[in-house]
Amino acid sequence: MELLQTTFHNTIRSFQWSGLIRRALTISSTQYKQGGPGKTRVSTADKEVVTRTRRMWSKEDSDRLVQMVQIMGPKWTAIGRTLDRPASAVFNRYKHLTDTHEFHGPWAASELDRLRELTKGKQSNEINWEQVRLQMPRLRPVCILRLTYKHSVDPKIRHGRWSEEEVARLEQLVRVYRGQDWDSIEQGMGTRTKRQCLERWRWQQAGGLKKGRFTEDEDAAIIAAVQQYGENFAKIKEVTRSERTARNISQHYRYALCPNTDRSPWTVEEENRMYDLCKEHSHNMSKVKLEMNSRRSPKDMWNHYYKIQKQRLQQQSN
């Protein structure tokens, strides 16, 4: 009886998650209009879908989320509107904060290795996910195991830099399906997930986006907006009327403008320690940054990582 109840609850969770993910990824037109703070409205013939850019969770946001669930119950869509976040992000954050039975935090390298081992040589539809769940180092929801397999472990899916062939193929498929059927676009790509295709198109390949170096006027406008609105880059994009993406503005601010970022010259000892720790922590730069108590931006740290890597390879070849 207990096993049946566990299976039932896992099934319900999977349905909840799949529904939330579908709603988060349903982008069905290429005609974009500004909708409001942190939102992009996507017009369609019969409906309008609102998407939100990603933001980090502050302690105040997390505390407010828990309080709202206590008052309103699990009304994820309503809470998401209030917090200006997707329902899926709200649900996942709440589970991460409160679930004591299943783990919802970041994946360790050992967990990913174990997931690869348990699913090796099998197609997704051939895997007994409940058995995999029970054999993992930490219990996680089956729906999260399936999503992580698809986005991080599945050997058919490529990660990292897109090839010229993939870029051209994506552009062709978006034109064929008019940016509406991302499931078919995923199938047509074969080597990329729906989320990868959607994000690649929306943030890098779609027309109407400004790219390249930021001007002094742009920097001044961003700094002034951060002082007034905090690090809500969707709002900053709106008030500065920028043609760049909120993500582009966020990355530029944290790398080049944030006063808390250390931009002092690197020492040789600092570079070598960072490189060695990155190797030790399986290229988890967040752990390296924490252990070094560094205020440098992750982008800056990665740039110096590749610099040291190149130097050491050259030394080995000599």
C-alpha atoms as a PDB file:
ATOM      1  CA  MET A   1       0.000   0.000   0.000  1.00  0.00           C
ATOM      2  CA  GLU A   2       2.830   2.370   0.923  1.00  0.00           C
ATOM      3  CA  LEU A   3       4.549   1.635  -2.411  1.00  0.00           C
ATOM      4  CA  LEU A   4       1.325   2.410  -4.306  1.00  0.00           C
ATOM      5  CA  GLN A   5       0.975   5.723  -2.459  1.00  0.00           C
ATOM      6  CA  THR A   6       4.589   6.657  -3.259  1.00  0.00           C
ATOM      7  CA  THR A   7       4.109   5.799  -6.939  1.00  0.00           C
ATOM      8  CA  PHE A   8       0.862   7.773  -7.054  1.00  0.00           C
ATOM      9  CA  HIS A   9       2.457  10.877  -5.517  1.00  0.00           C
ATOM     10  CA  ASN A  10       5.428  10.685  -7.891  1.00  0.00           C
ATOM     11  CA  THR A  11       3.038  10.449 -10.835  1.00  0.00           C
ATOM     12  CA  ILE A  12       1.128  13.501  -9.640  1.00  0.00           C
ATOM     13  CA  ARG A  13       4.371  15.424  -9.235  1.00  0.00           C
ATOM     14  CA  SER A  14       5.403  14.479 -12.774  1.00  0.00           C
ATOM     15  CA  PHE A  15       2.104  15.719 -14.196  1.00  0.00           C
ATOM     16  CA  GLN A  16       2.411  18.966 -12.221  1.00  0.00           C
ATOM     17  CA  TRP A  17       5.925  19.518 -13.435  1.00  0.00           C
ATOM     18  CA  SER A  18       5.270  18.641 -17.047  1.00  0.00           C
ATOM     19  CA  GLY A  19       2.348  21.065 -17.104  1.00  0.00           C
ATOM     20  CA  LEU A  20       4.403  23.839 -15.550  1.00  0.00           C
ATOM     21  CA  ILE A  21       7.324  23.260 -17.916  1.00  0.00           C
ATOM     22  CA  ARG A  22       5.014  23.252 -20.944  1.00  0.00           C
ATOM     23  CA  ARG A  23       3.518  26.565 -19.888  1.00  0.00           C
ATOM     24  CA  ALA A  24       6.964  28.043 -19.292  1.00  0.00           C
ATOM     25  CA  LEU A  25       8.203  27.001 -22.742  1.00  0.00           C
ATOM     26  CA  THR A  26       5.099  27.741 -24.827  1.00  0.00           C
ATOM     27  CA  ILE A  27       6.281  30.526 -27.101  1.00  0.00           C
ATOM     28  CA  SER A  28       4.217  30.536 -30.232  1.00  0.00           C
ATOM     29  CA  SER A  29       5.047  33.567 -32.337  1.00  0.00           C
ATOM     30  CA  THR A  30       7.911  35.748 -33.470  1.00  0.00           C
ATOM     31  CA  GLN A  31       6.043  39.019 -32.961  1.00  0.00           C
ATOM     32  CA  TYR A  32       7.298  40.436 -29.628  1.00  0.00           C
ATOM     33  CA  LYS A  33       6.015  43.476 -27.773  1.00  0.00           C
ATOM     34  CA  GLN A  34       6.956  44.932 -24.390  1.00  0.00           C
ATOM     35  CA  GLY A  35       4.397  43.881 -21.794  1.00  0.00           C
ATOM     36  CA  GLY A  36       5.435  45.243 -18.420  1.00  0.00           C
ATOM     37  CA  PRO A  37       8.132  45.022 -15.757  1.00  0.00           C
ATOM     38  CA  GLY A  38      10.172  41.893 -16.384  1.00  0.00           C
ATOM     39  CA  LYS A  39       7.827  40.592 -19.063  1.00  0.00           C
ATOM     40  CA  THR A  40       7.856  40.060 -22.813  1.00  0.00           C
ATOM     41  CA  ARG A  41       4.455  39.681 -24.447  1.00  0.00           C
ATOM     42  CA  VAL A  42       4.233  37.283 -27.360  1.00  0.00           C
ATOM     43  CA  SER A  43       1.229  37.928 -29.596  1.00  0.00           C
ATOM     44  CA  THR A  44      -0.597  35.059 -31.276  1.00  0.00           C
ATOM     45  CA  ALA A  45      -3.760  34.795 -33.310  1.00  0.00           C
ATOM     46  CA  ASP A  46      -5.852  33.608 -30.363  1.00  0.00           C
ATOM     47  CA  LYS A  47      -3.878  34.278 -27.169  1.00  0.00           C
ATOM     48  CA  GLU A  48      -1.022  36.145 -25.564  1.00  0.00           C
ATOM     49  CA  VAL A  49       1.715  34.348 -23.617  1.00  0.00           C
ATOM     50  CA  VAL A  50       3.833  36.216 -21.068  1.00  0.00           C
ATOM     51  CA  THR A  51       7.401  35.088 -20.483  1.00  0.00           C
ATOM     52  CA  ARG A  52       9.742  36.338 -17.786  1.00  0.00           C
ATOM     53  CA  THR A  53      13.480  36.658 -17.732  1.00  0.00           C
ATOM     54  CA  ARG A  54      15.536  34.751 -15.150  1.00  0.00           C
ATOM     55  CA  ARG A  55      16.537  36.417 -11.889  1.00  0.00           C
ATOM     56  CA  MET A  56      18.422  35.147  -8.882  1.00  0.00           C
ATOM     57  CA  TRP A  57      16.422  34.568  -5.699  1.00  0.00           C
ATOM     58  CA  SER A  58      17.308  36.911  -2.831  1.00  0.00           C
ATOM     59  CA  LYS A  59      16.674  35.948   0.791  1.00  0.00           C
ATOM     60  CA  GLU A  60      13.836  38.491   0.909  1.00  0.00           C
ATOM     61  CA  ASP A  61      12.194  36.938  -2.198  1.00  0.00           C
ATOM     62  CA  SER A  62      12.524  33.430  -0.732  1.00  0.00           C
ATOM     63  CA  ASP A  63      11.040  34.468   2.626  1.00  0.00           C
ATOM     64  CA  ARG A  64       8.179  36.209   0.863  1.00  0.00           C
ATOM     65  CA  LEU A  65       7.492  33.099  -1.230  1.00  0.00           C
ATOM     66  CA  VAL A  66       7.216  30.876   1.849  1.00  0.00           C
ATOM     67  CA  GLN A  67       4.897  33.389   3.540  1.00  0.00           C
ATOM     68  CA  MET A  68       2.659  33.617   0.470  1.00  0.00           C
ATOM     69  CA  VAL A  69       2.300  29.827   0.237  1.00  0.00           C
ATOM     70  CA  GLN A  70       1.373  29.705   3.917  1.00  0.00           C
ATOM     71  CA  ILE A  71      -1.345  32.285   3.299  1.00  0.00           C
ATOM     72  CA  MET A  72      -2.570  31.353  -0.213  1.00  0.00           C
ATOM     73  CA  GLY A  73      -1.716  27.675  -0.443  1.00  0.00           C
ATOM     74  CA  PRO A  74      -0.088  26.114  -3.539  1.00  0.00           C
ATOM     75  CA  LYS A  75      -1.494  28.605  -6.044  1.00  0.00           C
ATOM     76  CA  TRP A  76       1.706  28.716  -8.083  1.00  0.00           C
ATOM     77  CA  THR A  77       0.363  30.748 -11.002  1.00  0.00           C
ATOM     78  CA  ALA A  78      -1.093  33.479  -8.765  1.00  0.00           C
ATOM     79  CA  ILE A  79       2.039  33.591  -6.628  1.00  0.00           C
ATOM     80  CA  GLY A  80       4.178  33.700  -9.766  1.00  0.00           C
ATOM     81  CA  ARG A  81       2.257  36.737 -11.030  1.00  0.00           C
ATOM     82  CA  THR A  82       2.785  38.514  -7.711  1.00  0.00           C
ATOM     83  CA  LEU A  83       6.504  37.731  -7.624  1.00  0.00           C
ATOM     84  CA  ASP A  84       6.846  38.306 -11.390  1.00  0.00           C
ATOM     85  CA  ARG A  85       8.297  34.831 -11.969  1.00  0.00           C
ATOM     86  CA  PRO A  86       7.172  31.741 -13.920  1.00  0.00           C
ATOM     87  CA  ALA A  87       4.995  29.298 -11.963  1.00  0.00           C
ATOM     88  CA  SER A  88       7.558  26.545 -12.555  1.00  0.00           C
ATOM     89  CA  ALA A  89      10.337  28.657 -10.988  1.00  0.00           C
ATOM     90  CA  VAL A  90       8.141  29.480  -7.994  1.00  0.00           C
ATOM     91  CA  PHE A  91       7.190  25.825  -7.468  1.00  0.00           C
ATOM     92  CA  ASN A  92      10.781  24.599  -7.759  1.00  0.00           C
ATOM     93  CA  ARG A  93      12.122  27.270  -5.397  1.00  0.00           C
ATOM     94  CA  TYR A  94       9.491  26.472  -2.777  1.00  0.00           C
ATOM     95  CA  LYS A  95      10.262  22.749  -2.932  1.00  0.00           C
ATOM     96  CA  HIS A  96      13.974  23.532  -2.637  1.00  0.00           C
ATOM     97  CA  LEU A  97      13.307  25.587   0.500  1.00  0.00           C
ATOM     98  CA  THR A  98      10.856  23.294   2.270  1.00  0.00           C
ATOM     99  CA  ASP A  99      10.972  19.684   1.040  1.00  0.00           C
ATOM    100  CA  THR A 100      12.748  17.529   3.647  1.00  0.00           C
ATOM    101  CA  HIS A 101      11.985  14.187   1.943  1.00  0.00           C
ATOM    102  CA  GLU A 102      13.376  14.803  -1.550  1.00  0.00           C
ATOM    103  CA  PHE A 103      16.326  16.965  -2.524  1.00  0.00           C
ATOM    104  CA  HIS A 104      15.807  19.911  -4.895  1.00  0.00           C
ATOM    105  CA  GLY A 105      19.182  21.667  -4.802  1.00  0.00           C
ATOM    106  CA  PRO A 106      22.109  21.788  -7.261  1.00  0.00           C
ATOM    107  CA  TRP A 107      23.414  18.519  -8.694  1.00  0.00           C
ATOM    108  CA  ALA A 108      26.815  17.237  -7.591  1.00  0.00           C
ATOM    109  CA  ALA A 109      29.161  15.766 -10.194  1.00  0.00           C
ATOM    110  CA  SER A 110      28.900  12.381  -8.435  1.00  0.00           C
ATOM    111  CA  GLU A 111      25.120  12.434  -8.879  1.00  0.00           C
ATOM    112  CA  LEU A 112      25.387  13.096 -12.608  1.00  0.00           C
ATOM    113  CA  ASP A 113      27.952  10.307 -12.913  1.00  0.00           C
ATOM    114  CA  ARG A 114      25.597   7.939 -11.105  1.00  0.00           C
ATOM    115  CA  LEU A 115      22.701   8.951 -13.358  1.00  0.00           C
ATOM    116  CA  ARG A 116      24.854   8.249 -16.433  1.00  0.00           C
ATOM    117  CA  GLU A 117      25.813   4.854 -15.005  1.00  0.00           C
ATOM    118  CA  LEU A 118      22.212   3.855 -14.248  1.00  0.00           C
ATOM    119  CA  THR A 119      20.892   4.938 -17.664  1.00  0.00           C
ATOM    120  CA  LYS A 120      23.825   3.880 -19.864  1.00  0.00           C
ATOM    121  CA  GLY A 121      22.808   2.145 -23.094  1.00  0.00           C
ATOM    122  CA  LYS A 122      19.091   2.805 -22.621  1.00  0.00           C
ATOM    123  CA  GLN A 123      16.570   5.050 -24.317  1.00  0.00           C
ATOM    124  CA  SER A 124      14.550   7.351 -22.061  1.00  0.00           C
ATOM    125  CA  ASN A 125      11.367   5.297 -22.569  1.00  0.00           C
ATOM    126  CA  GLU A 126      13.224   2.099 -21.579  1.00  0.00           C
ATOM    127  CA  ILE A 127      14.388   3.423 -18.193  1.00  0.00           C
ATOM    128  CA  ASN A 128      12.608   2.453 -14.964  1.00  0.00           C
ATOM    129  CA  TRP A 129      12.774   5.883 -13.363  1.00  0.00           C
ATOM    130  CA  GLU A 130      11.459   4.763  -9.971  1.00  0.00           C
ATOM    131  CA  GLN A 131      14.284   2.234  -9.683  1.00  0.00           C
ATOM    132  CA  VAL A 132      16.801   4.852 -10.793  1.00  0.00           C
ATOM    133  CA  ARG A 133      15.415   7.244  -8.172  1.00  0.00           C
ATOM    134  CA  LEU A 134      15.932   4.708  -5.369  1.00  0.00           C
ATOM    135  CA  GLN A 135      19.527   4.001  -6.455  1.00  0.00           C
ATOM    136  CA  MET A 136      20.644   7.636  -6.618  1.00  0.00           C
ATOM    137  CA  PRO A 137      22.890   9.111  -3.868  1.00  0.00           C
ATOM    138  CA  ARG A 138      20.080  11.527  -2.944  1.00  0.00           C
ATOM    139  CA  LEU A 139      16.348  11.084  -3.461  1.00  0.00           C
ATOM    140  CA  ARG A 140      15.006  13.458  -6.104  1.00  0.00           C
ATOM    141  CA  PRO A 141      11.575  13.640  -7.807  1.00  0.00           C
ATOM    142  CA  VAL A 142      11.260  11.391 -10.857  1.00  0.00           C
ATOM    143  CA  CYS A 143      10.290  14.380 -13.005  1.00  0.00           C
ATOM    144  CA  ILE A 144      13.551  16.123 -12.076  1.00  0.00           C
ATOM    145  CA  LEU A 145      15.546  12.975 -12.894  1.00  0.00           C
ATOM    146  CA  ARG A 146      13.932  12.828 -16.325  1.00  0.00           C
ATOM    147  CA  LEU A 147      14.547  16.528 -17.017  1.00  0.00           C
ATOM    148  CA  THR A 148      18.174  16.324 -15.875  1.00  0.00           C
ATOM    149  CA  TYR A 149      18.732  13.233 -18.010  1.00  0.00           C
ATOM    150  CA  LYS A 150      17.344  15.012 -21.045  1.00  0.00           C
ATOM    151  CA  HIS A 151      19.224  18.279 -20.538  1.00  0.00           C
ATOM    152  CA  SER A 152      22.524  17.056 -19.058  1.00  0.00           C
ATOM    153  CA  VAL A 153      23.078  13.310 -19.547  1.00  0.00           C
ATOM    154  CA  ASP A 154      21.344  12.104 -22.721  1.00  0.00           C
ATOM    155  CA  PRO A 155      24.225  11.193 -25.100  1.00  0.00           C
ATOM    156  CA  LYS A 156      22.186  12.277 -28.149  1.00  0.00           C
ATOM    157  CA  ILE A 157      22.037  15.907 -26.945  1.00  0.00           C
ATOM    158  CA  ARG A 158      24.949  18.245 -27.636  1.00  0.00           C
ATOM    159  CA  HIS A 159      26.009  21.015 -25.271  1.00  0.00           C
ATOM    160  CA  GLY A 160      28.225  24.047 -25.627  1.00  0.00           C
ATOM    161  CA  ARG A 161      28.999  26.058 -28.745  1.00  0.00           C
ATOM    162  CA  TRP A 162      26.596  25.722 -31.677  1.00  0.00           C
ATOM    163  CA  SER A 163      28.114  24.713 -34.995  1.00  0.00           C
ATOM    164  CA  GLU A 164      27.454  26.709 -38.171  1.00  0.00           C
ATOM    165  CA  GLU A 165      25.351  23.802 -39.440  1.00  0.00           C
ATOM    166  CA  GLU A 166      23.195  23.847 -36.301  1.00  0.00           C
ATOM    167  CA  VAL A 167      22.688  27.612 -36.497  1.00  0.00           C
ATOM    168  CA  ALA A 168      21.592  27.354 -40.137  1.00  0.00           C
ATOM    169  CA  ARG A 169      19.371  24.360 -39.372  1.00  0.00           C
ATOM    170  CA  LEU A 170      17.643  26.170 -36.511  1.00  0.00           C
ATOM    171  CA  GLU A 171      16.976  29.217 -38.665  1.00  0.00           C
ATOM    172  CA  GLN A 172      15.481  26.998 -41.373  1.00  0.00           C
ATOM    173  CA  LEU A 173      13.244  25.133 -38.904  1.00  0.00           C
ATOM    174  CA  VAL A 174      12.012  28.321 -37.218  1.00  0.00           C
ATOM    175  CA  ARG A 175      11.092  29.649 -40.665  1.00  0.00           C
ATOM    176  CA  VAL A 176       9.289  26.400 -41.583  1.00  0.00           C
ATOM    177  CA  TYR A 177       7.282  26.259 -38.329  1.00  0.00           C
ATOM    178  CA  ARG A 178       6.980  30.060 -38.000  1.00  0.00           C
ATOM    179  CA  GLY A 179       8.421  29.968 -34.483  1.00  0.00           C
ATOM    180  CA  GLN A 180       5.325  28.190 -33.184  1.00  0.00           C
ATOM    181  CA  ASP A 181       5.962  24.453 -32.910  1.00  0.00           C
ATOM    182  CA  TRP A 182       9.073  24.020 -30.764  1.00  0.00           C
ATOM    183  CA  ASP A 183       8.448  20.282 -30.303  1.00  0.00           C
ATOM    184  CA  SER A 184       8.782  19.804 -34.074  1.00  0.00           C
ATOM    185  CA  ILE A 185      11.801  22.123 -34.134  1.00  0.00           C
ATOM    186  CA  GLU A 186      13.449  19.968 -31.442  1.00  0.00           C
ATOM    187  CA  GLN A 187      12.753  16.814 -33.454  1.00  0.00           C
ATOM    188  CA  GLY A 188      14.112  18.448 -36.600  1.00  0.00           C
ATOM    189  CA  MET A 189      17.339  19.449 -34.830  1.00  0.00           C
ATOM    190  CA  GLY A 190      17.861  16.010 -33.296  1.00  0.00           C
ATOM    191  CA  THR A 191      20.874  17.085 -31.227  1.00  0.00           C
ATOM    192  CA  ARG A 192      19.369  19.948 -29.196  1.00  0.00           C
ATOM    193  CA  THR A 193      16.484  20.157 -26.727  1.00  0.00           C
ATOM    194  CA  LYS A 194      13.426  22.343 -27.115  1.00  0.00           C
ATOM    195  CA  ARG A 195      14.749  24.648 -24.398  1.00  0.00           C
ATOM    196  CA  GLN A 196      18.147  24.972 -26.076  1.00  0.00           C
ATOM    197  CA  CYS A 197      16.506  25.815 -29.414  1.00  0.00           C
ATOM    198  CA  LEU A 198      14.114  28.320 -27.866  1.00  0.00           C
ATOM    199  CA  GLU A 199      16.794  30.109 -25.847  1.00  0.00           C
ATOM    200  CA  ARG A 200      19.281  30.121 -28.714  1.00  0.00           C
ATOM    201  CA  TRP A 201      16.707  31.661 -31.037  1.00  0.00           C
ATOM    202  CA  ARG A 202      15.200  34.123 -28.601  1.00  0.00           C
ATOM    203  CA  TRP A 203      18.432  35.464 -27.120  1.00  0.00           C
ATOM    204  CA  GLN A 204      20.946  35.163 -29.968  1.00  0.00           C
ATOM    205  CA  GLN A 205      19.515  34.571 -33.440  1.00  0.00           C
ATOM    206  CA  ALA A 206      16.196  36.442 -33.526  1.00  0.00           C
ATOM    207  CA  GLY A 207      16.297  39.825 -35.234  1.00  0.00           C
ATOM    208  CA  GLY A 208      15.834  43.159 -33.487  1.00  0.00           C
ATOM    209  CA  LEU A 209      18.446  42.601 -30.751  1.00  0.00           C
ATOM    210  CA  LYS A 210      21.357  44.943 -30.141  1.00  0.00           C
ATOM    211  CA  LYS A 211      24.738  43.279 -29.633  1.00  0.00           C
ATOM    212  CA  GLY A 212      28.358  44.327 -29.339  1.00  0.00           C
ATOM    213  CA  ARG A 213      30.094  46.777 -27.004  1.00  0.00           C
ATOM    214  CA  PHE A 214      28.098  48.866 -24.537  1.00  0.00           C
ATOM    215  CA  THR A 215      28.393  52.634 -24.913  1.00  0.00           C
ATOM    216  CA  GLU A 216      29.181  55.038 -22.056  1.00  0.00           C
ATOM    217  CA  ASP A 217      25.592  56.297 -22.202  1.00  0.00           C
ATOM    218  CA  GLU A 218      24.274  52.745 -21.850  1.00  0.00           C
ATOM    219  CA  ASP A 219      26.562  52.114 -18.860  1.00  0.00           C
ATOM    220  CA  ALA A 220      25.422  55.309 -17.151  1.00  0.00           C
ATOM    221  CA  ALA A 221      21.752  54.465 -17.711  1.00  0.00           C
ATOM    222  CA  ILE A 222      22.205  50.930 -16.322  1.00  0.00           C
ATOM    223  CA  ILE A 223      24.045  52.148 -13.206  1.00  0.00           C
ATOM    224  CA  ALA A 224      21.349  54.754 -12.511  1.00  0.00           C
ATOM    225  CA  ALA A 225      18.587  52.179 -12.979  1.00  0.00           C
ATOM    226  CA  VAL A 226      20.272  49.663 -10.645  1.00  0.00           C
ATOM    227  CA  GLN A 227      20.523  52.334  -7.965  1.00  0.00           C
ATOM    228  CA  GLN A 228      16.777  52.916  -8.256  1.00  0.00           C
ATOM    229  CA  TYR A 229      15.382  49.409  -8.920  1.00  0.00           C
ATOM    230  CA  GLY A 230      18.089  47.044  -7.664  1.00  0.00           C
ATOM    231  CA  GLU A 231      19.319  44.138  -9.784  1.00  0.00           C
ATOM    232  CA  ASN A 232      15.962  43.532 -11.494  1.00  0.00           C
ATOM    233  CA  PHE A 233      17.333  43.533 -15.027  1.00  0.00           C
ATOM    234  CA  ALA A 234      13.993  42.929 -16.704  1.00  0.00           C
ATOM    235  CA  LYS A 235      12.776  46.184 -15.122  1.00  0.00           C
ATOM    236  CA  ILE A 236      16.072  47.881 -16.019  1.00  0.00           C
ATOM    237  CA  LYS A 237      15.675  46.800 -19.649  1.00  0.00           C
ATOM    238  CA  GLU A 238      12.213  48.371 -19.639  1.00  0.00           C
ATOM    239  CA  VAL A 239      13.065  51.706 -18.026  1.00  0.00           C
ATOM    240  CA  THR A 240      16.249  52.211 -20.076  1.00  0.00           C
ATOM    241  CA  ARG A 241      14.389  51.205 -23.258  1.00  0.00           C
ATOM    242  CA  SER A 242      17.315  49.029 -24.190  1.00  0.00           C
ATOM    243  CA  GLU A 243      17.291  46.933 -27.351  1.00  0.00           C
ATOM    244  CA  ARG A 244      19.465  44.369 -25.590  1.00  0.00           C
ATOM    245  CA  THR A 245      18.231  41.320 -23.695  1.00  0.00           C
ATOM    246  CA  ALA A 246      17.870  41.443 -19.911  1.00  0.00           C
ATOM    247  CA  ARG A 247      20.433  38.640 -19.713  1.00  0.00           C
ATOM    248  CA  ASN A 248      22.958  40.640 -21.747  1.00  0.00           C
ATOM    249  CA  ILE A 249      22.469  43.659 -19.475  1.00  0.00           C
ATOM    250  CA  SER A 250      22.779  41.495 -16.352  1.00  0.00           C
ATOM    251  CA  GLN A 251      26.021  39.857 -17.511  1.00  0.00           C
ATOM    252  CA  HIS A 252      27.547  43.178 -18.530  1.00  0.00           C
ATOM    253  CA  TYR A 253      26.654  44.805 -15.208  1.00  0.00           C
ATOM    254  CA  ARG A 254      28.106  41.995 -13.096  1.00  0.00           C
ATOM    255  CA  TYR A 255      31.254  41.769 -15.211  1.00  0.00           C
ATOM    256  CA  ALA A 256      32.009  45.417 -15.932  1.00  0.00           C
ATOM    257  CA  LEU A 257      29.935  47.760 -13.743  1.00  0.00           C
ATOM    258  CA  CYS A 258      29.066  46.215 -10.365  1.00  0.00           C
ATOM    259  CA  PRO A 259      31.031  48.050  -7.614  1.00  0.00           C
ATOM    260  CA  ASN A 260      31.294  44.849  -5.561  1.00  0.00           C
ATOM    261  CA  THR A 261      33.238  43.031  -8.303  1.00  0.00           C
ATOM    262  CA  ASP A 262      37.003  42.788  -7.874  1.00  0.00           C
ATOM    263  CA  ARG A 263      38.723  44.010 -11.051  1.00  0.00           C
ATOM    264  CA  SER A 264      42.233  44.394  -9.649  1.00  0.00           C
ATOM    265  CA  PRO A 265      45.181  42.778 -11.514  1.00  0.00           C
ATOM    266  CA  TRP A 266      45.550  39.036 -10.960  1.00  0.00           C
ATOM    267  CA  THR A 267      48.640  37.696  -9.228  1.00  0.00           C
ATOM    268  CA  VAL A 268      50.390  34.575 -10.536  1.00  0.00           C
ATOM    269  CA  GLU A 269      49.656  32.780  -7.245  1.00  0.00           C
ATOM    270  CA  GLU A 270      45.948  33.660  -7.466  1.00  0.00           C
ATOM    271  CA  GLU A 271      45.679  32.417 -11.056  1.00  0.00           C
ATOM    272  CA  ASN A 272      47.394  29.102 -10.298  1.00  0.00           C
ATOM    273  CA  ARG A 273      45.347  28.490  -7.159  1.00  0.00           C
ATOM    274  CA  MET A 274      42.113  29.211  -9.032  1.00  0.00           C
ATOM    275  CA  TYR A 275      43.128  26.828 -11.839  1.00  0.00           C
ATOM    276  CA  ASP A 276      44.071  24.001  -9.448  1.00  0.00           C
ATOM    277  CA  LEU A 277      40.889  24.403  -7.395  1.00  0.00           C
ATOM    278  CA  CYS A 278      38.796  24.367 -10.562  1.00  0.00           C
ATOM    279  CA  LYS A 279      40.331  21.008 -11.478  1.00  0.00           C
ATOM    280  CA  GLU A 280      39.815  19.745  -7.931  1.00  0.00           C
ATOM    281  CA  HIS A 281      36.127  20.752  -7.900  1.00  0.00           C
ATOM    282  CA  SER A 282      35.337  19.260 -11.342  1.00  0.00           C
ATOM    283  CA  HIS A 283      35.171  22.701 -13.011  1.00  0.00           C
ATOM    284  CA  ASN A 284      32.561  24.019 -10.561  1.00  0.00           C
ATOM    285  CA  MET A 285      33.608  27.676 -10.560  1.00  0.00           C
ATOM    286  CA  SER A 286      30.967  28.575  -7.967  1.00  0.00           C
ATOM    287  CA  LYS A 287      32.707  26.328  -5.431  1.00  0.00           C
ATOM    288  CA  VAL A 288      36.086  27.782  -6.404  1.00  0.00           C
ATOM    289  CA  LYS A 289      34.800  31.324  -5.947  1.00  0.00           C
ATOM    290  CA  LEU A 290      33.399  30.404  -2.526  1.00  0.00           C
ATOM    291  CA  GLU A 291      36.553  28.635  -1.327  1.00  0.00           C
ATOM    292  CA  MET A 292      38.778  31.510  -2.456  1.00  0.00           C
ATOM    293  CA  ASN A 293      36.353  34.044  -0.950  1.00  0.00           C
ATOM    294  CA  SER A 294      36.718  35.861  -4.264  1.00  0.00           C
ATOM    295  CA  ARG A 295      34.775  38.901  -5.422  1.00  0.00           C
ATOM    296  CA  ARG A 296      35.793  38.407  -9.052  1.00  0.00           C
ATOM    297  CA  SER A 297      33.135  37.728 -11.680  1.00  0.00           C
ATOM    298  CA  PRO A 298      32.783  34.114 -12.898  1.00  0.00           C
ATOM    299  CA  LYS A 299      33.429  35.314 -16.466  1.00  0.00           C
ATOM    300  CA  ASP A 300      36.723  36.874 -15.398  1.00  0.00           C
ATOM    301  CA  MET A 301      37.692  33.703 -13.525  1.00  0.00           C
ATOM    302  CA  TRP A 302      36.946  31.526 -16.548  1.00  0.00           C
ATOM    303  CA  ASN A 303      38.969  33.822 -18.804  1.00  0.00           C
ATOM    304  CA  HIS A 304      41.983  33.387 -16.544  1.00  0.00           C
ATOM    305  CA  TYR A 305      41.343  29.651 -16.237  1.00  0.00           C
ATOM    306  CA  TYR A 306      41.670  29.234 -20.013  1.00  0.00           C
ATOM    307  CA  LYS A 307      44.715  31.510 -20.007  1.00  0.00           C
ATOM    308  CA  ILE A 308      46.516  29.266 -17.476  1.00  0.00           C
ATOM    309  CA  GLN A 309      45.322  26.130 -19.267  1.00  0.00           C
ATOM    310  CA  LYS A 310      46.847  27.389 -22.531  1.00  0.00           C
ATOM    311  CA  GLN A 311      50.117  28.275 -20.782  1.00  0.00           C
ATOM    312  CA  ARG A 312      50.411  24.859 -19.160  1.00  0.00           C
ATOM    313  CA  LEU A 313      49.676  23.025 -22.407  1.00  0.00           C
ATOM    314  CA  GLN A 314      52.364  25.067 -24.153  1.00  0.00           C
ATOM    315  CA  GLN A 315      54.840  24.237 -21.368  1.00  0.00           C
ATOM    316  CA  GLN A 316      54.045  20.526 -21.693  1.00  0.00           C
ATOM    317  CA  SER A 317      54.558  20.592 -25.477  1.00  0.00           C
ATOM    318  CA  ASN A 318      57.939  22.262 -25.039  1.00  0.00           C
END
